């Protein structure tokens, strides 16, 4: 099993903690950021296998952040996350290259499934 570099973009600390506890347990390296400047810095300075990004961020719409991330790294597999029913936003994210969207709350098996689908890597 390959150990992945996973970027988590969410303003809620509990989401980052969840990824660190669950995916970190499997040996994956997790980078958690909470706003647009941290996201841009992380994507410019580190190589990630996959990113999980919240749709609703306080400083910028998640779809706008996705646009900026894809401009820097077009090949990055991005999974959007949302606790809301945002069909229009999901459609926009998909058109911009998001590979999937997870509905909060989700479980470890949901993360593992979307990673396998997105980058054909079992985690």
C-alpha atoms as a PDB file:
ATOM      1  CA  UNK A   1       0.000   0.000   0.000  1.00  0.00           C
ATOM      2  CA  UNK A   2       1.383   3.357  -1.037  1.00  0.00           C
ATOM      3  CA  UNK A   3       1.391   6.106   1.573  1.00  0.00           C
ATOM      4  CA  UNK A   4      -0.343   9.141   0.132  1.00  0.00           C
ATOM      5  CA  UNK A   5       0.127  12.868   0.610  1.00  0.00           C
ATOM      6  CA  UNK A   6      -3.362  14.193   1.304  1.00  0.00           C
ATOM      7  CA  UNK A   7      -4.353  17.864   1.447  1.00  0.00           C
ATOM      8  CA  UNK A   8      -7.416  18.756   3.512  1.00  0.00           C
ATOM      9  CA  UNK A   9      -8.913  22.234   3.069  1.00  0.00           C
ATOM     10  CA  UNK A  10     -11.586  22.982   5.663  1.00  0.00           C
ATOM     11  CA  UNK A  11     -12.216  25.785   8.135  1.00  0.00           C
ATOM     12  CA  UNK A  12     -13.513  23.306  10.725  1.00  0.00           C
ATOM     13  CA  UNK A  13     -10.739  21.889  12.920  1.00  0.00           C
ATOM     14  CA  UNK A  14     -12.737  18.697  13.526  1.00  0.00           C
ATOM     15  CA  UNK A  15     -12.496  17.735   9.828  1.00  0.00           C
ATOM     16  CA  UNK A  16      -8.709  18.035   9.859  1.00  0.00           C
ATOM     17  CA  UNK A  17      -8.588  16.065  13.106  1.00  0.00           C
ATOM     18  CA  UNK A  18     -10.769  13.354  11.539  1.00  0.00           C
ATOM     19  CA  UNK A  19      -8.409  12.977   8.559  1.00  0.00           C
ATOM     20  CA  UNK A  20      -5.337  12.976  10.813  1.00  0.00           C
ATOM     21  CA  UNK A  21      -6.801  10.291  13.073  1.00  0.00           C
ATOM     22  CA  UNK A  22      -8.208   8.051  10.390  1.00  0.00           C
ATOM     23  CA  UNK A  23      -5.949   8.425   7.357  1.00  0.00           C
ATOM     24  CA  UNK A  24      -2.900   9.115   9.509  1.00  0.00           C
ATOM     25  CA  UNK A  25      -3.542   5.761  11.163  1.00  0.00           C
ATOM     26  CA  UNK A  26      -2.971   4.107   7.780  1.00  0.00           C
ATOM     27  CA  UNK A  27       0.363   5.910   7.402  1.00  0.00           C
ATOM     28  CA  UNK A  28      -0.741   8.647   5.029  1.00  0.00           C
ATOM     29  CA  UNK A  29       0.693  12.138   5.413  1.00  0.00           C
ATOM     30  CA  UNK A  30      -2.040  14.712   6.022  1.00  0.00           C
ATOM     31  CA  UNK A  31      -1.649  18.449   5.512  1.00  0.00           C
ATOM     32  CA  UNK A  32      -4.556  20.485   6.877  1.00  0.00           C
ATOM     33  CA  UNK A  33      -5.139  24.100   5.873  1.00  0.00           C
ATOM     34  CA  UNK A  34      -7.946  26.429   6.835  1.00  0.00           C
ATOM     35  CA  UNK A  35      -8.073  29.247   4.287  1.00  0.00           C
ATOM     36  CA  UNK A  36      -7.203  30.304   0.745  1.00  0.00           C
ATOM     37  CA  UNK A  37      -3.676  31.659   1.398  1.00  0.00           C
ATOM     38  CA  UNK A  38      -2.667  28.457   3.221  1.00  0.00           C
ATOM     39  CA  UNK A  39      -4.195  26.367   0.426  1.00  0.00           C
ATOM     40  CA  UNK A  40      -2.307  28.205  -2.318  1.00  0.00           C
ATOM     41  CA  UNK A  41       0.968  28.013  -0.368  1.00  0.00           C
ATOM     42  CA  UNK A  42       0.531  24.267   0.220  1.00  0.00           C
ATOM     43  CA  UNK A  43      -0.281  23.498  -3.425  1.00  0.00           C
ATOM     44  CA  UNK A  44       2.665  25.586  -4.634  1.00  0.00           C
ATOM     45  CA  UNK A  45       5.203  24.050  -2.255  1.00  0.00           C
ATOM     46  CA  UNK A  46       4.160  20.404  -1.813  1.00  0.00           C
ATOM     47  CA  UNK A  47       3.204  17.476  -4.027  1.00  0.00           C
ATOM     48  CA  UNK A  48      -0.182  15.965  -3.140  1.00  0.00           C
ATOM     49  CA  UNK A  49      -1.792  12.799  -4.416  1.00  0.00           C
ATOM     50  CA  UNK A  50      -5.305  14.009  -3.612  1.00  0.00           C
ATOM     51  CA  UNK A  51      -7.032  16.991  -2.003  1.00  0.00           C
ATOM     52  CA  UNK A  52     -10.288  17.146  -0.038  1.00  0.00           C
ATOM     53  CA  UNK A  53     -11.793  20.637  -0.107  1.00  0.00           C
ATOM     54  CA  UNK A  54     -14.790  22.113   1.671  1.00  0.00           C
ATOM     55  CA  UNK A  55     -17.381  23.767  -0.588  1.00  0.00           C
ATOM     56  CA  UNK A  56     -18.268  26.460   1.956  1.00  0.00           C
ATOM     57  CA  UNK A  57     -15.269  28.392   3.246  1.00  0.00           C
ATOM     58  CA  UNK A  58     -15.598  31.664   5.155  1.00  0.00           C
ATOM     59  CA  UNK A  59     -13.039  33.638   3.113  1.00  0.00           C
ATOM     60  CA  UNK A  60     -13.813  32.251  -0.345  1.00  0.00           C
ATOM     61  CA  UNK A  61     -16.282  29.952  -2.034  1.00  0.00           C
ATOM     62  CA  UNK A  62     -14.885  26.416  -2.326  1.00  0.00           C
ATOM     63  CA  UNK A  63     -15.463  26.404  -6.084  1.00  0.00           C
ATOM     64  CA  UNK A  64     -13.348  29.566  -6.405  1.00  0.00           C
ATOM     65  CA  UNK A  65     -10.587  27.887  -4.369  1.00  0.00           C
ATOM     66  CA  UNK A  66     -10.852  24.834  -6.635  1.00  0.00           C
ATOM     67  CA  UNK A  67     -10.366  27.098  -9.659  1.00  0.00           C
ATOM     68  CA  UNK A  68      -7.186  28.568  -8.174  1.00  0.00           C
ATOM     69  CA  UNK A  69      -5.830  25.170  -7.125  1.00  0.00           C
ATOM     70  CA  UNK A  70      -6.438  23.718 -10.601  1.00  0.00           C
ATOM     71  CA  UNK A  71      -4.662  26.704 -12.171  1.00  0.00           C
ATOM     72  CA  UNK A  72      -1.567  25.810 -10.129  1.00  0.00           C
ATOM     73  CA  UNK A  73      -1.827  22.016 -10.402  1.00  0.00           C
ATOM     74  CA  UNK A  74      -4.288  20.901 -13.096  1.00  0.00           C
ATOM     75  CA  UNK A  75      -3.587  17.215 -12.487  1.00  0.00           C
ATOM     76  CA  UNK A  76      -4.388  17.189  -8.775  1.00  0.00           C
ATOM     77  CA  UNK A  77      -7.327  14.924  -7.917  1.00  0.00           C
ATOM     78  CA  UNK A  78      -9.755  17.050  -5.882  1.00  0.00           C
ATOM     79  CA  UNK A  79     -12.734  15.784  -3.900  1.00  0.00           C
ATOM     80  CA  UNK A  80     -15.160  18.446  -2.735  1.00  0.00           C
ATOM     81  CA  UNK A  81     -16.901  18.100   0.648  1.00  0.00           C
ATOM     82  CA  UNK A  82     -20.154  19.667   1.810  1.00  0.00           C
ATOM     83  CA  UNK A  83     -22.662  19.354   4.589  1.00  0.00           C
ATOM     84  CA  UNK A  84     -25.253  21.082   2.434  1.00  0.00           C
ATOM     85  CA  UNK A  85     -27.180  20.119  -0.649  1.00  0.00           C
ATOM     86  CA  UNK A  86     -25.444  22.303  -3.199  1.00  0.00           C
ATOM     87  CA  UNK A  87     -26.314  20.720  -6.514  1.00  0.00           C
ATOM     88  CA  UNK A  88     -25.361  23.778  -8.576  1.00  0.00           C
ATOM     89  CA  UNK A  89     -22.013  24.122  -6.766  1.00  0.00           C
ATOM     90  CA  UNK A  90     -21.323  20.407  -7.230  1.00  0.00           C
ATOM     91  CA  UNK A  91     -22.027  20.763 -10.940  1.00  0.00           C
ATOM     92  CA  UNK A  92     -19.644  23.742 -11.158  1.00  0.00           C
ATOM     93  CA  UNK A  93     -16.968  21.855  -9.225  1.00  0.00           C
ATOM     94  CA  UNK A  94     -17.325  18.862 -11.533  1.00  0.00           C
ATOM     95  CA  UNK A  95     -16.948  21.084 -14.607  1.00  0.00           C
ATOM     96  CA  UNK A  96     -13.774  22.539 -13.074  1.00  0.00           C
ATOM     97  CA  UNK A  97     -12.276  19.093 -12.592  1.00  0.00           C
ATOM     98  CA  UNK A  98     -13.367  17.883  -9.156  1.00  0.00           C
ATOM     99  CA  UNK A  99     -13.402  14.097  -9.283  1.00  0.00           C
ATOM    100  CA  UNK A 100     -16.073  13.571  -6.626  1.00  0.00           C
ATOM    101  CA  UNK A 101     -18.076  15.183  -3.853  1.00  0.00           C
ATOM    102  CA  UNK A 102     -18.509  13.789  -0.344  1.00  0.00           C
ATOM    103  CA  UNK A 103     -21.571  14.674   1.719  1.00  0.00           C
ATOM    104  CA  UNK A 104     -20.762  15.448   5.358  1.00  0.00           C
ATOM    105  CA  UNK A 105     -20.845  13.634   7.655  1.00  0.00           C
ATOM    106  CA  UNK A 106     -18.871  10.843   6.032  1.00  0.00           C
ATOM    107  CA  UNK A 107     -16.975   7.809   7.254  1.00  0.00           C
ATOM    108  CA  UNK A 108     -13.507   6.393   6.673  1.00  0.00           C
ATOM    109  CA  UNK A 109     -14.847   3.912   4.122  1.00  0.00           C
ATOM    110  CA  UNK A 110     -16.266   6.835   2.108  1.00  0.00           C
ATOM    111  CA  UNK A 111     -12.825   8.451   1.968  1.00  0.00           C
ATOM    112  CA  UNK A 112     -11.185   5.189   0.998  1.00  0.00           C
ATOM    113  CA  UNK A 113     -13.758   4.606  -1.765  1.00  0.00           C
ATOM    114  CA  UNK A 114     -13.340   8.057  -3.364  1.00  0.00           C
ATOM    115  CA  UNK A 115      -9.547   7.835  -3.193  1.00  0.00           C
ATOM    116  CA  UNK A 116      -9.647   4.463  -4.952  1.00  0.00           C
ATOM    117  CA  UNK A 117     -11.993   5.878  -7.608  1.00  0.00           C
ATOM    118  CA  UNK A 118     -10.009   9.112  -8.023  1.00  0.00           C
ATOM    119  CA  UNK A 119      -6.460   7.845  -8.209  1.00  0.00           C
ATOM    120  CA  UNK A 120      -6.954   4.083  -8.496  1.00  0.00           C
ATOM    121  CA  UNK A 121      -5.138   3.593  -5.191  1.00  0.00           C
ATOM    122  CA  UNK A 122      -6.418   1.433  -2.358  1.00  0.00           C
ATOM    123  CA  UNK A 123      -5.901   3.071   1.012  1.00  0.00           C
END
